[in-house]
Amino acid sequence: ARFDMEVDTLFALVLALLAWKTGQAGLWVLALGLPRYLFVMAGTIWPR
């Protein structure tokens, strides 16, 4: 389950970066690729 989730998260980030790099979407598309990484980073500040 964890392996699957981590691959999903990386997959979403790569797709968002690729959409931006190829001009298919603006920089705002990273809002679809970064949330879980930001959530994990927030967990290092707020352990709850």
ModelCIF file with pLDDT and N, C-alpha, C, O atoms, coordinates in Angstrom:
data_MODEL
#
_entry.id   MODEL 
#
_entity.id                         1 
_entity.type                       polymer 
_entity.pdbx_number_of_molecules   1 
#
_entity_poly.entity_id                      1 
_entity_poly.type                           'polypeptide(L)' 
_entity_poly.nstd_linkage                   no 
_entity_poly.nstd_monomer                   no 
_entity_poly.pdbx_seq_one_letter_code       ARFDMEVDTLFALVLALLAWKTGQAGLWVLALGLPRYLFVMAGTIWPR 
_entity_poly.pdbx_seq_one_letter_code_can   ARFDMEVDTLFALVLALLAWKTGQAGLWVLALGLPRYLFVMAGTIWPR 
_entity_poly.pdbx_strand_id                 A 
#
loop_
_entity_poly_seq.entity_id 
_entity_poly_seq.num 
_entity_poly_seq.mon_id 
_entity_poly_seq.hetero 
1 1  ALA n 
1 2  ARG n 
1 3  PHE n 
1 4  ASP n 
1 5  MET n 
1 6  GLU n 
1 7  VAL n 
1 8  ASP n 
1 9  THR n 
1 10 LEU n 
1 11 PHE n 
1 12 ALA n 
1 13 LEU n 
1 14 VAL n 
1 15 LEU n 
1 16 ALA n 
1 17 LEU n 
1 18 LEU n 
1 19 ALA n 
1 20 TRP n 
1 21 LYS n 
1 22 THR n 
1 23 GLY n 
1 24 GLN n 
1 25 ALA n 
1 26 GLY n 
1 27 LEU n 
1 28 TRP n 
1 29 VAL n 
1 30 LEU n 
1 31 ALA n 
1 32 LEU n 
1 33 GLY n 
1 34 LEU n 
1 35 PRO n 
1 36 ARG n 
1 37 TYR n 
1 38 LEU n 
1 39 PHE n 
1 40 VAL n 
1 41 MET n 
1 42 ALA n 
1 43 GLY n 
1 44 THR n 
1 45 ILE n 
1 46 TRP n 
1 47 PRO n 
1 48 ARG n 
#
_struct_asym.id          A 
_struct_asym.entity_id   1 
#
loop_
_ma_qa_metric.id 
_ma_qa_metric.mode 
_ma_qa_metric.name 
_ma_qa_metric.software_group_id 
_ma_qa_metric.type 
1 global pLDDT . pLDDT 
2 local  pLDDT . pLDDT 
#
_ma_qa_metric_global.metric_id      1 
_ma_qa_metric_global.metric_value   92.23 
_ma_qa_metric_global.model_id       1 
_ma_qa_metric_global.ordinal_id     1 
#
loop_
_ma_qa_metric_local.label_asym_id 
_ma_qa_metric_local.label_comp_id 
_ma_qa_metric_local.label_seq_id 
_ma_qa_metric_local.metric_id 
_ma_qa_metric_local.metric_value 
_ma_qa_metric_local.model_id 
_ma_qa_metric_local.ordinal_id 
A ALA 1  2 91.00 1 1  
A ARG 2  2 92.00 1 2  
A PHE 3  2 95.00 1 3  
A ASP 4  2 95.00 1 4  
A MET 5  2 93.00 1 5  
A GLU 6  2 95.00 1 6  
A VAL 7  2 97.00 1 7  
A ASP 8  2 95.00 1 8  
A THR 9  2 95.00 1 9  
A LEU 10 2 97.00 1 10 
A PHE 11 2 97.00 1 11 
A ALA 12 2 97.00 1 12 
A LEU 13 2 97.00 1 13 
A VAL 14 2 97.00 1 14 
A LEU 15 2 97.00 1 15 
A ALA 16 2 96.00 1 16 
A LEU 17 2 96.00 1 17 
A LEU 18 2 95.00 1 18 
A ALA 19 2 94.00 1 19 
A TRP 20 2 93.00 1 20 
A LYS 21 2 92.00 1 21 
A THR 22 2 91.00 1 22 
A GLY 23 2 89.00 1 23 
A GLN 24 2 89.00 1 24 
A ALA 25 2 89.00 1 25 
A GLY 26 2 88.00 1 26 
A LEU 27 2 90.00 1 27 
A TRP 28 2 89.00 1 28 
A VAL 29 2 93.00 1 29 
A LEU 30 2 93.00 1 30 
A ALA 31 2 92.00 1 31 
A LEU 32 2 94.00 1 32 
A GLY 33 2 94.00 1 33 
A LEU 34 2 93.00 1 34 
A PRO 35 2 91.00 1 35 
A ARG 36 2 91.00 1 36 
A TYR 37 2 92.00 1 37 
A LEU 38 2 91.00 1 38 
A PHE 39 2 90.00 1 39 
A VAL 40 2 89.00 1 40 
A MET 41 2 91.00 1 41 
A ALA 42 2 89.00 1 42 
A GLY 43 2 87.00 1 43 
A THR 44 2 88.00 1 44 
A ILE 45 2 89.00 1 45 
A TRP 46 2 87.00 1 46 
A PRO 47 2 87.00 1 47 
A ARG 48 2 85.00 1 48 
#
loop_
_atom_site.group_PDB 
_atom_site.id 
_atom_site.type_symbol 
_atom_site.label_atom_id 
_atom_site.label_alt_id 
_atom_site.label_comp_id 
_atom_site.label_asym_id 
_atom_site.label_entity_id 
_atom_site.label_seq_id 
_atom_site.pdbx_PDB_ins_code 
_atom_site.Cartn_x 
_atom_site.Cartn_y 
_atom_site.Cartn_z 
_atom_site.occupancy 
_atom_site.B_iso_or_equiv 
_atom_site.pdbx_formal_charge 
_atom_site.auth_seq_id 
_atom_site.auth_comp_id 
_atom_site.auth_asym_id 
_atom_site.auth_atom_id 
_atom_site.pdbx_PDB_model_num 
ATOM 1   N N  . ALA A 1 1  ? 0.833  -1.207 0.000   1.00 91.00 ? 1  ALA A N  1 
ATOM 2   C CA . ALA A 1 1  ? 0.000  0.000  0.000   1.00 91.00 ? 1  ALA A CA 1 
ATOM 3   C C  . ALA A 1 1  ? 0.863  1.252  0.000   1.00 91.00 ? 1  ALA A C  1 
ATOM 4   O O  . ALA A 1 1  ? 0.566  2.213  -0.710  1.00 91.00 ? 1  ALA A O  1 
ATOM 5   N N  . ARG A 1 2  ? 1.935  1.247  0.795   1.00 92.00 ? 2  ARG A N  1 
ATOM 6   C CA . ARG A 1 2  ? 2.814  2.414  0.864   1.00 92.00 ? 2  ARG A CA 1 
ATOM 7   C C  . ARG A 1 2  ? 3.595  2.589  -0.437  1.00 92.00 ? 2  ARG A C  1 
ATOM 8   O O  . ARG A 1 2  ? 3.744  3.709  -0.926  1.00 92.00 ? 2  ARG A O  1 
ATOM 9   N N  . PHE A 1 3  ? 4.087  1.502  -0.992  1.00 95.00 ? 3  PHE A N  1 
ATOM 10  C CA . PHE A 1 3  ? 4.808  1.556  -2.261  1.00 95.00 ? 3  PHE A CA 1 
ATOM 11  C C  . PHE A 1 3  ? 3.913  2.127  -3.347  1.00 95.00 ? 3  PHE A C  1 
ATOM 12  O O  . PHE A 1 3  ? 4.341  2.981  -4.125  1.00 95.00 ? 3  PHE A O  1 
ATOM 13  N N  . ASP A 1 4  ? 2.678  1.661  -3.404  1.00 95.00 ? 4  ASP A N  1 
ATOM 14  C CA . ASP A 1 4  ? 1.710  2.145  -4.386  1.00 95.00 ? 4  ASP A CA 1 
ATOM 15  C C  . ASP A 1 4  ? 1.454  3.637  -4.207  1.00 95.00 ? 4  ASP A C  1 
ATOM 16  O O  . ASP A 1 4  ? 1.408  4.381  -5.187  1.00 95.00 ? 4  ASP A O  1 
ATOM 17  N N  . MET A 1 5  ? 1.288  4.080  -2.961  1.00 93.00 ? 5  MET A N  1 
ATOM 18  C CA . MET A 1 5  ? 0.999  5.487  -2.687  1.00 93.00 ? 5  MET A CA 1 
ATOM 19  C C  . MET A 1 5  ? 2.163  6.385  -3.076  1.00 93.00 ? 5  MET A C  1 
ATOM 20  O O  . MET A 1 5  ? 1.957  7.457  -3.644  1.00 93.00 ? 5  MET A O  1 
ATOM 21  N N  . GLU A 1 6  ? 3.395  5.953  -2.773  1.00 95.00 ? 6  GLU A N  1 
ATOM 22  C CA . GLU A 1 6  ? 4.557  6.775  -3.097  1.00 95.00 ? 6  GLU A CA 1 
ATOM 23  C C  . GLU A 1 6  ? 4.749  6.880  -4.608  1.00 95.00 ? 6  GLU A C  1 
ATOM 24  O O  . GLU A 1 6  ? 5.131  7.935  -5.113  1.00 95.00 ? 6  GLU A O  1 
ATOM 25  N N  . VAL A 1 7  ? 4.487  5.793  -5.328  1.00 97.00 ? 7  VAL A N  1 
ATOM 26  C CA . VAL A 1 7  ? 4.580  5.852  -6.792  1.00 97.00 ? 7  VAL A CA 1 
ATOM 27  C C  . VAL A 1 7  ? 3.498  6.783  -7.341  1.00 97.00 ? 7  VAL A C  1 
ATOM 28  O O  . VAL A 1 7  ? 3.758  7.554  -8.265  1.00 97.00 ? 7  VAL A O  1 
ATOM 29  N N  . ASP A 1 8  ? 2.290  6.719  -6.781  1.00 95.00 ? 8  ASP A N  1 
ATOM 30  C CA . ASP A 1 8  ? 1.212  7.622  -7.196  1.00 95.00 ? 8  ASP A CA 1 
ATOM 31  C C  . ASP A 1 8  ? 1.615  9.081  -6.999  1.00 95.00 ? 8  ASP A C  1 
ATOM 32  O O  . ASP A 1 8  ? 1.382  9.921  -7.868  1.00 95.00 ? 8  ASP A O  1 
ATOM 33  N N  . THR A 1 9  ? 2.218  9.370  -5.858  1.00 95.00 ? 9  THR A N  1 
ATOM 34  C CA . THR A 1 9  ? 2.595  10.745 -5.541  1.00 95.00 ? 9  THR A CA 1 
ATOM 35  C C  . THR A 1 9  ? 3.656  11.261 -6.508  1.00 95.00 ? 9  THR A C  1 
ATOM 36  O O  . THR A 1 9  ? 3.562  12.381 -7.009  1.00 95.00 ? 9  THR A O  1 
ATOM 37  N N  . LEU A 1 10 ? 4.663  10.433 -6.762  1.00 97.00 ? 10 LEU A N  1 
ATOM 38  C CA . LEU A 1 10 ? 5.707  10.827 -7.713  1.00 97.00 ? 10 LEU A CA 1 
ATOM 39  C C  . LEU A 1 10 ? 5.139  10.959 -9.116  1.00 97.00 ? 10 LEU A C  1 
ATOM 40  O O  . LEU A 1 10 ? 5.506  11.873 -9.854  1.00 97.00 ? 10 LEU A O  1 
ATOM 41  N N  . PHE A 1 11 ? 4.254  10.059 -9.482  1.00 97.00 ? 11 PHE A N  1 
ATOM 42  C CA . PHE A 1 11 ? 3.602  10.096 -10.799 1.00 97.00 ? 11 PHE A CA 1 
ATOM 43  C C  . PHE A 1 11 ? 2.864  11.413 -10.996 1.00 97.00 ? 11 PHE A C  1 
ATOM 44  O O  . PHE A 1 11 ? 2.979  12.033 -12.053 1.00 97.00 ? 11 PHE A O  1 
ATOM 45  N N  . ALA A 1 12 ? 2.108  11.847 -9.994  1.00 97.00 ? 12 ALA A N  1 
ATOM 46  C CA . ALA A 1 12 ? 1.359  13.098 -10.089 1.00 97.00 ? 12 ALA A CA 1 
ATOM 47  C C  . ALA A 1 12 ? 2.301  14.285 -10.242 1.00 97.00 ? 12 ALA A C  1 
ATOM 48  O O  . ALA A 1 12 ? 2.042  15.180 -11.047 1.00 97.00 ? 12 ALA A O  1 
ATOM 49  N N  . LEU A 1 13 ? 3.385  14.302 -9.483  1.00 97.00 ? 13 LEU A N  1 
ATOM 50  C CA . LEU A 1 13 ? 4.329  15.422 -9.571  1.00 97.00 ? 13 LEU A CA 1 
ATOM 51  C C  . LEU A 1 13 ? 4.990  15.473 -10.946 1.00 97.00 ? 13 LEU A C  1 
ATOM 52  O O  . LEU A 1 13 ? 5.114  16.548 -11.533 1.00 97.00 ? 13 LEU A O  1 
ATOM 53  N N  . VAL A 1 14 ? 5.413  14.322 -11.463 1.00 97.00 ? 14 VAL A N  1 
ATOM 54  C CA . VAL A 1 14 ? 6.051  14.282 -12.785 1.00 97.00 ? 14 VAL A CA 1 
ATOM 55  C C  . VAL A 1 14 ? 5.069  14.737 -13.866 1.00 97.00 ? 14 VAL A C  1 
ATOM 56  O O  . VAL A 1 14 ? 5.445  15.488 -14.765 1.00 97.00 ? 14 VAL A O  1 
ATOM 57  N N  . LEU A 1 15 ? 3.825  14.290 -13.785 1.00 97.00 ? 15 LEU A N  1 
ATOM 58  C CA . LEU A 1 15 ? 2.823  14.715 -14.771 1.00 97.00 ? 15 LEU A CA 1 
ATOM 59  C C  . LEU A 1 15 ? 2.600  16.219 -14.726 1.00 97.00 ? 15 LEU A C  1 
ATOM 60  O O  . LEU A 1 15 ? 2.497  16.866 -15.768 1.00 97.00 ? 15 LEU A O  1 
ATOM 61  N N  . ALA A 1 16 ? 2.524  16.779 -13.520 1.00 96.00 ? 16 ALA A N  1 
ATOM 62  C CA . ALA A 1 16 ? 2.319  18.227 -13.383 1.00 96.00 ? 16 ALA A CA 1 
ATOM 63  C C  . ALA A 1 16 ? 3.506  18.988 -13.976 1.00 96.00 ? 16 ALA A C  1 
ATOM 64  O O  . ALA A 1 16 ? 3.314  19.952 -14.717 1.00 96.00 ? 16 ALA A O  1 
ATOM 65  N N  . LEU A 1 17 ? 4.715  18.567 -13.659 1.00 96.00 ? 17 LEU A N  1 
ATOM 66  C CA . LEU A 1 17 ? 5.904  19.229 -14.206 1.00 96.00 ? 17 LEU A CA 1 
ATOM 67  C C  . LEU A 1 17 ? 5.962  19.094 -15.724 1.00 96.00 ? 17 LEU A C  1 
ATOM 68  O O  . LEU A 1 17 ? 6.363  20.026 -16.421 1.00 96.00 ? 17 LEU A O  1 
ATOM 69  N N  . LEU A 1 18 ? 5.561  17.934 -16.231 1.00 95.00 ? 18 LEU A N  1 
ATOM 70  C CA . LEU A 1 18 ? 5.595  17.715 -17.672 1.00 95.00 ? 18 LEU A CA 1 
ATOM 71  C C  . LEU A 1 18 ? 4.553  18.571 -18.385 1.00 95.00 ? 18 LEU A C  1 
ATOM 72  O O  . LEU A 1 18 ? 4.823  19.116 -19.455 1.00 95.00 ? 18 LEU A O  1 
ATOM 73  N N  . ALA A 1 19 ? 3.366  18.692 -17.798 1.00 94.00 ? 19 ALA A N  1 
ATOM 74  C CA . ALA A 1 19 ? 2.332  19.549 -18.393 1.00 94.00 ? 19 ALA A CA 1 
ATOM 75  C C  . ALA A 1 19 ? 2.801  21.000 -18.453 1.00 94.00 ? 19 ALA A C  1 
ATOM 76  O O  . ALA A 1 19 ? 2.541  21.704 -19.429 1.00 94.00 ? 19 ALA A O  1 
ATOM 77  N N  . TRP A 1 20 ? 3.493  21.441 -17.404 1.00 93.00 ? 20 TRP A N  1 
ATOM 78  C CA . TRP A 1 20 ? 4.022  22.805 -17.383 1.00 93.00 ? 20 TRP A CA 1 
ATOM 79  C C  . TRP A 1 20 ? 5.169  22.956 -18.382 1.00 93.00 ? 20 TRP A C  1 
ATOM 80  O O  . TRP A 1 20 ? 5.222  23.937 -19.124 1.00 93.00 ? 20 TRP A O  1 
ATOM 81  N N  . LYS A 1 21 ? 6.087  21.986 -18.403 1.00 92.00 ? 21 LYS A N  1 
ATOM 82  C CA . LYS A 1 21 ? 7.264  22.072 -19.265 1.00 92.00 ? 21 LYS A CA 1 
ATOM 83  C C  . LYS A 1 21 ? 6.890  22.085 -20.738 1.00 92.00 ? 21 LYS A C  1 
ATOM 84  O O  . LYS A 1 21 ? 7.536  22.765 -21.535 1.00 92.00 ? 21 LYS A O  1 
ATOM 85  N N  . THR A 1 22 ? 5.858  21.345 -21.106 1.00 91.00 ? 22 THR A N  1 
ATOM 86  C CA . THR A 1 22 ? 5.455  21.247 -22.506 1.00 91.00 ? 22 THR A CA 1 
ATOM 87  C C  . THR A 1 22 ? 4.470  22.328 -22.918 1.00 91.00 ? 22 THR A C  1 
ATOM 88  O O  . THR A 1 22 ? 4.034  22.360 -24.069 1.00 91.00 ? 22 THR A O  1 
ATOM 89  N N  . GLY A 1 23 ? 4.115  23.211 -22.000 1.00 89.00 ? 23 GLY A N  1 
ATOM 90  C CA . GLY A 1 23 ? 3.213  24.302 -22.320 1.00 89.00 ? 23 GLY A CA 1 
ATOM 91  C C  . GLY A 1 23 ? 1.756  23.919 -22.353 1.00 89.00 ? 23 GLY A C  1 
ATOM 92  O O  . GLY A 1 23 ? 0.929  24.685 -22.850 1.00 89.00 ? 23 GLY A O  1 
ATOM 93  N N  . GLN A 1 24 ? 1.415  22.744 -21.831 1.00 89.00 ? 24 GLN A N  1 
ATOM 94  C CA . GLN A 1 24 ? 0.018  22.312 -21.808 1.00 89.00 ? 24 GLN A CA 1 
ATOM 95  C C  . GLN A 1 24 ? -0.755 22.964 -20.662 1.00 89.00 ? 24 GLN A C  1 
ATOM 96  O O  . GLN A 1 24 ? -1.986 22.952 -20.654 1.00 89.00 ? 24 GLN A O  1 
ATOM 97  N N  . ALA A 1 25 ? -0.038 23.528 -19.705 1.00 89.00 ? 25 ALA A N  1 
ATOM 98  C CA . ALA A 1 25 ? -0.668 24.204 -18.568 1.00 89.00 ? 25 ALA A CA 1 
ATOM 99  C C  . ALA A 1 25 ? 0.342  25.180 -17.978 1.00 89.00 ? 25 ALA A C  1 
ATOM 100 O O  . ALA A 1 25 ? 1.545  25.057 -18.205 1.00 89.00 ? 25 ALA A O  1 
ATOM 101 N N  . GLY A 1 26 ? -0.158 26.147 -17.219 1.00 88.00 ? 26 GLY A N  1 
ATOM 102 C CA . GLY A 1 26 ? 0.718  27.111 -16.572 1.00 88.00 ? 26 GLY A CA 1 
ATOM 103 C C  . GLY A 1 26 ? 1.330  26.546 -15.300 1.00 88.00 ? 26 GLY A C  1 
ATOM 104 O O  . GLY A 1 26 ? 1.106  25.391 -14.939 1.00 88.00 ? 26 GLY A O  1 
ATOM 105 N N  . LEU A 1 27 ? 2.107  27.387 -14.630 1.00 90.00 ? 27 LEU A N  1 
ATOM 106 C CA . LEU A 1 27 ? 2.785  26.957 -13.413 1.00 90.00 ? 27 LEU A CA 1 
ATOM 107 C C  . LEU A 1 27 ? 1.790  26.545 -12.332 1.00 90.00 ? 27 LEU A C  1 
ATOM 108 O O  . LEU A 1 27 ? 2.141  25.798 -11.418 1.00 90.00 ? 27 LEU A O  1 
ATOM 109 N N  . TRP A 1 28 ? 0.561  27.023 -12.429 1.00 89.00 ? 28 TRP A N  1 
ATOM 110 C CA . TRP A 1 28 ? -0.466 26.698 -11.443 1.00 89.00 ? 28 TRP A CA 1 
ATOM 111 C C  . TRP A 1 28 ? -0.761 25.197 -11.380 1.00 89.00 ? 28 TRP A C  1 
ATOM 112 O O  . TRP A 1 28 ? -1.327 24.711 -10.400 1.00 89.00 ? 28 TRP A O  1 
ATOM 113 N N  . VAL A 1 29 ? -0.375 24.472 -12.427 1.00 93.00 ? 29 VAL A N  1 
ATOM 114 C CA . VAL A 1 29 ? -0.668 23.040 -12.451 1.00 93.00 ? 29 VAL A CA 1 
ATOM 115 C C  . VAL A 1 29 ? 0.064  22.296 -11.338 1.00 93.00 ? 29 VAL A C  1 
ATOM 116 O O  . VAL A 1 29 ? -0.314 21.178 -10.990 1.00 93.00 ? 29 VAL A O  1 
ATOM 117 N N  . LEU A 1 30 ? 1.104  22.903 -10.777 1.00 93.00 ? 30 LEU A N  1 
ATOM 118 C CA . LEU A 1 30 ? 1.818  22.259 -9.679  1.00 93.00 ? 30 LEU A CA 1 
ATOM 119 C C  . LEU A 1 30 ? 0.920  22.098 -8.451  1.00 93.00 ? 30 LEU A C  1 
ATOM 120 O O  . LEU A 1 30 ? 1.232  21.324 -7.546  1.00 93.00 ? 30 LEU A O  1 
ATOM 121 N N  . ALA A 1 31 ? -0.189 22.828 -8.424  1.00 92.00 ? 31 ALA A N  1 
ATOM 122 C CA . ALA A 1 31 ? -1.150 22.645 -7.329  1.00 92.00 ? 31 ALA A CA 1 
ATOM 123 C C  . ALA A 1 31 ? -1.746 21.249 -7.353  1.00 92.00 ? 31 ALA A C  1 
ATOM 124 O O  . ALA A 1 31 ? -2.291 20.791 -6.348  1.00 92.00 ? 31 ALA A O  1 
ATOM 125 N N  . LEU A 1 32 ? -1.649 20.563 -8.491  1.00 94.00 ? 32 LEU A N  1 
ATOM 126 C CA . LEU A 1 32 ? -2.136 19.182 -8.589  1.00 94.00 ? 32 LEU A CA 1 
ATOM 127 C C  . LEU A 1 32 ? -1.029 18.160 -8.346  1.00 94.00 ? 32 LEU A C  1 
ATOM 128 O O  . LEU A 1 32 ? -1.306 16.970 -8.192  1.00 94.00 ? 32 LEU A O  1 
ATOM 129 N N  . GLY A 1 33 ? 0.217  18.615 -8.309  1.00 94.00 ? 33 GLY A N  1 
ATOM 130 C CA . GLY A 1 33 ? 1.316  17.676 -8.162  1.00 94.00 ? 33 GLY A CA 1 
ATOM 131 C C  . GLY A 1 33 ? 2.042  17.715 -6.835  1.00 94.00 ? 33 GLY A C  1 
ATOM 132 O O  . GLY A 1 33 ? 2.741  16.767 -6.479  1.00 94.00 ? 33 GLY A O  1 
ATOM 133 N N  . LEU A 1 34 ? 1.881  18.806 -6.099  1.00 93.00 ? 34 LEU A N  1 
ATOM 134 C CA . LEU A 1 34 ? 2.667  18.986 -4.878  1.00 93.00 ? 34 LEU A CA 1 
ATOM 135 C C  . LEU A 1 34 ? 1.938  18.760 -3.552  1.00 93.00 ? 34 LEU A C  1 
ATOM 136 O O  . LEU A 1 34 ? 2.609  18.642 -2.526  1.00 93.00 ? 34 LEU A O  1 
ATOM 137 N N  . PRO A 1 35 ? 0.593  18.691 -3.513  1.00 91.00 ? 35 PRO A N  1 
ATOM 138 C CA . PRO A 1 35 ? -0.092 18.697 -2.213  1.00 91.00 ? 35 PRO A CA 1 
ATOM 139 C C  . PRO A 1 35 ? 0.401  17.669 -1.212  1.00 91.00 ? 35 PRO A C  1 
ATOM 140 O O  . PRO A 1 35 ? 0.603  18.013 -0.047  1.00 91.00 ? 35 PRO A O  1 
ATOM 141 N N  . ARG A 1 36 ? 0.601  16.430 -1.612  1.00 91.00 ? 36 ARG A N  1 
ATOM 142 C CA . ARG A 1 36 ? 0.995  15.433 -0.607  1.00 91.00 ? 36 ARG A CA 1 
ATOM 143 C C  . ARG A 1 36 ? 2.400  15.712 -0.072  1.00 91.00 ? 36 ARG A C  1 
ATOM 144 O O  . ARG A 1 36 ? 2.654  15.532 1.119   1.00 91.00 ? 36 ARG A O  1 
ATOM 145 N N  . TYR A 1 37 ? 3.305  16.148 -0.935  1.00 92.00 ? 37 TYR A N  1 
ATOM 146 C CA . TYR A 1 37 ? 4.643  16.484 -0.459  1.00 92.00 ? 37 TYR A CA 1 
ATOM 147 C C  . TYR A 1 37 ? 4.584  17.650 0.530   1.00 92.00 ? 37 TYR A C  1 
ATOM 148 O O  . TYR A 1 37 ? 5.301  17.656 1.531   1.00 92.00 ? 37 TYR A O  1 
ATOM 149 N N  . LEU A 1 38 ? 3.734  18.629 0.249   1.00 91.00 ? 38 LEU A N  1 
ATOM 150 C CA . LEU A 1 38 ? 3.566  19.749 1.174   1.00 91.00 ? 38 LEU A CA 1 
ATOM 151 C C  . LEU A 1 38 ? 2.939  19.280 2.485   1.00 91.00 ? 38 LEU A C  1 
ATOM 152 O O  . LEU A 1 38 ? 3.282  19.772 3.560   1.00 91.00 ? 38 LEU A O  1 
ATOM 153 N N  . PHE A 1 39 ? 2.020  18.327 2.382   1.00 90.00 ? 39 PHE A N  1 
ATOM 154 C CA . PHE A 1 39 ? 1.373  17.781 3.571   1.00 90.00 ? 39 PHE A CA 1 
ATOM 155 C C  . PHE A 1 39 ? 2.393  17.048 4.447   1.00 90.00 ? 39 PHE A C  1 
ATOM 156 O O  . PHE A 1 39 ? 2.376  17.173 5.671   1.00 90.00 ? 39 PHE A O  1 
ATOM 157 N N  . VAL A 1 40 ? 3.276  16.286 3.808   1.00 89.00 ? 40 VAL A N  1 
ATOM 158 C CA . VAL A 1 40 ? 4.318  15.576 4.561   1.00 89.00 ? 40 VAL A CA 1 
ATOM 159 C C  . VAL A 1 40 ? 5.277  16.563 5.214   1.00 89.00 ? 40 VAL A C  1 
ATOM 160 O O  . VAL A 1 40 ? 5.686  16.365 6.358   1.00 89.00 ? 40 VAL A O  1 
ATOM 161 N N  . MET A 1 41 ? 5.638  17.621 4.498   1.00 91.00 ? 41 MET A N  1 
ATOM 162 C CA . MET A 1 41 ? 6.520  18.644 5.070   1.00 91.00 ? 41 MET A CA 1 
ATOM 163 C C  . MET A 1 41 ? 5.853  19.333 6.249   1.00 91.00 ? 41 MET A C  1 
ATOM 164 O O  . MET A 1 41 ? 6.498  19.631 7.254   1.00 91.00 ? 41 MET A O  1 
ATOM 165 N N  . ALA A 1 42 ? 4.545  19.584 6.118   1.00 89.00 ? 42 ALA A N  1 
ATOM 166 C CA . ALA A 1 42 ? 3.818  20.208 7.229   1.00 89.00 ? 42 ALA A CA 1 
ATOM 167 C C  . ALA A 1 42 ? 3.828  19.306 8.451   1.00 89.00 ? 42 ALA A C  1 
ATOM 168 O O  . ALA A 1 42 ? 3.835  19.791 9.582   1.00 89.00 ? 42 ALA A O  1 
ATOM 169 N N  . GLY A 1 43 ? 3.829  17.992 8.229   1.00 87.00 ? 43 GLY A N  1 
ATOM 170 C CA . GLY A 1 43 ? 3.855  17.052 9.340   1.00 87.00 ? 43 GLY A CA 1 
ATOM 171 C C  . GLY A 1 43 ? 5.136  17.123 10.148  1.00 87.00 ? 43 GLY A C  1 
ATOM 172 O O  . GLY A 1 43 ? 5.147  16.784 11.331  1.00 87.00 ? 43 GLY A O  1 
ATOM 173 N N  . THR A 1 44 ? 6.230  17.567 9.510   1.00 88.00 ? 44 THR A N  1 
ATOM 174 C CA . THR A 1 44 ? 7.475  17.719 10.260  1.00 88.00 ? 44 THR A CA 1 
ATOM 175 C C  . THR A 1 44 ? 7.423  18.923 11.192  1.00 88.00 ? 44 THR A C  1 
ATOM 176 O O  . THR A 1 44 ? 8.189  19.004 12.153  1.00 88.00 ? 44 THR A O  1 
ATOM 177 N N  . ILE A 1 45 ? 6.526  19.850 10.909  1.00 89.00 ? 45 ILE A N  1 
ATOM 178 C CA . ILE A 1 45 ? 6.365  21.037 11.764  1.00 89.00 ? 45 ILE A CA 1 
ATOM 179 C C  . ILE A 1 45 ? 5.263  20.817 12.787  1.00 89.00 ? 45 ILE A C  1 
ATOM 180 O O  . ILE A 1 45 ? 5.407  21.178 13.954  1.00 89.00 ? 45 ILE A O  1 
ATOM 181 N N  . TRP A 1 46 ? 4.153  20.219 12.341  1.00 87.00 ? 46 TRP A N  1 
ATOM 182 C CA . TRP A 1 46 ? 3.028  19.914 13.232  1.00 87.00 ? 46 TRP A CA 1 
ATOM 183 C C  . TRP A 1 46 ? 2.855  18.398 13.296  1.00 87.00 ? 46 TRP A C  1 
ATOM 184 O O  . TRP A 1 46 ? 2.175  17.822 12.446  1.00 87.00 ? 46 TRP A O  1 
ATOM 185 N N  . PRO A 1 47 ? 3.446  17.755 14.271  1.00 87.00 ? 47 PRO A N  1 
ATOM 186 C CA . PRO A 1 47 ? 3.417  16.280 14.355  1.00 87.00 ? 47 PRO A CA 1 
ATOM 187 C C  . PRO A 1 47 ? 2.018  15.694 14.375  1.00 87.00 ? 47 PRO A C  1 
ATOM 188 O O  . PRO A 1 47 ? 1.847  14.522 14.040  1.00 87.00 ? 47 PRO A O  1 
ATOM 189 N N  . ARG A 1 48 ? 1.018  16.463 14.754  1.00 85.00 ? 48 ARG A N  1 
ATOM 190 C CA . ARG A 1 48 ? -0.345 15.922 14.788  1.00 85.00 ? 48 ARG A CA 1 
ATOM 191 C C  . ARG A 1 48 ? -0.840 15.561 13.392  1.00 85.00 ? 48 ARG A C  1 
ATOM 192 O O  . ARG A 1 48 ? -1.968 15.092 13.240  1.00 85.00 ? 48 ARG A O  1 
#
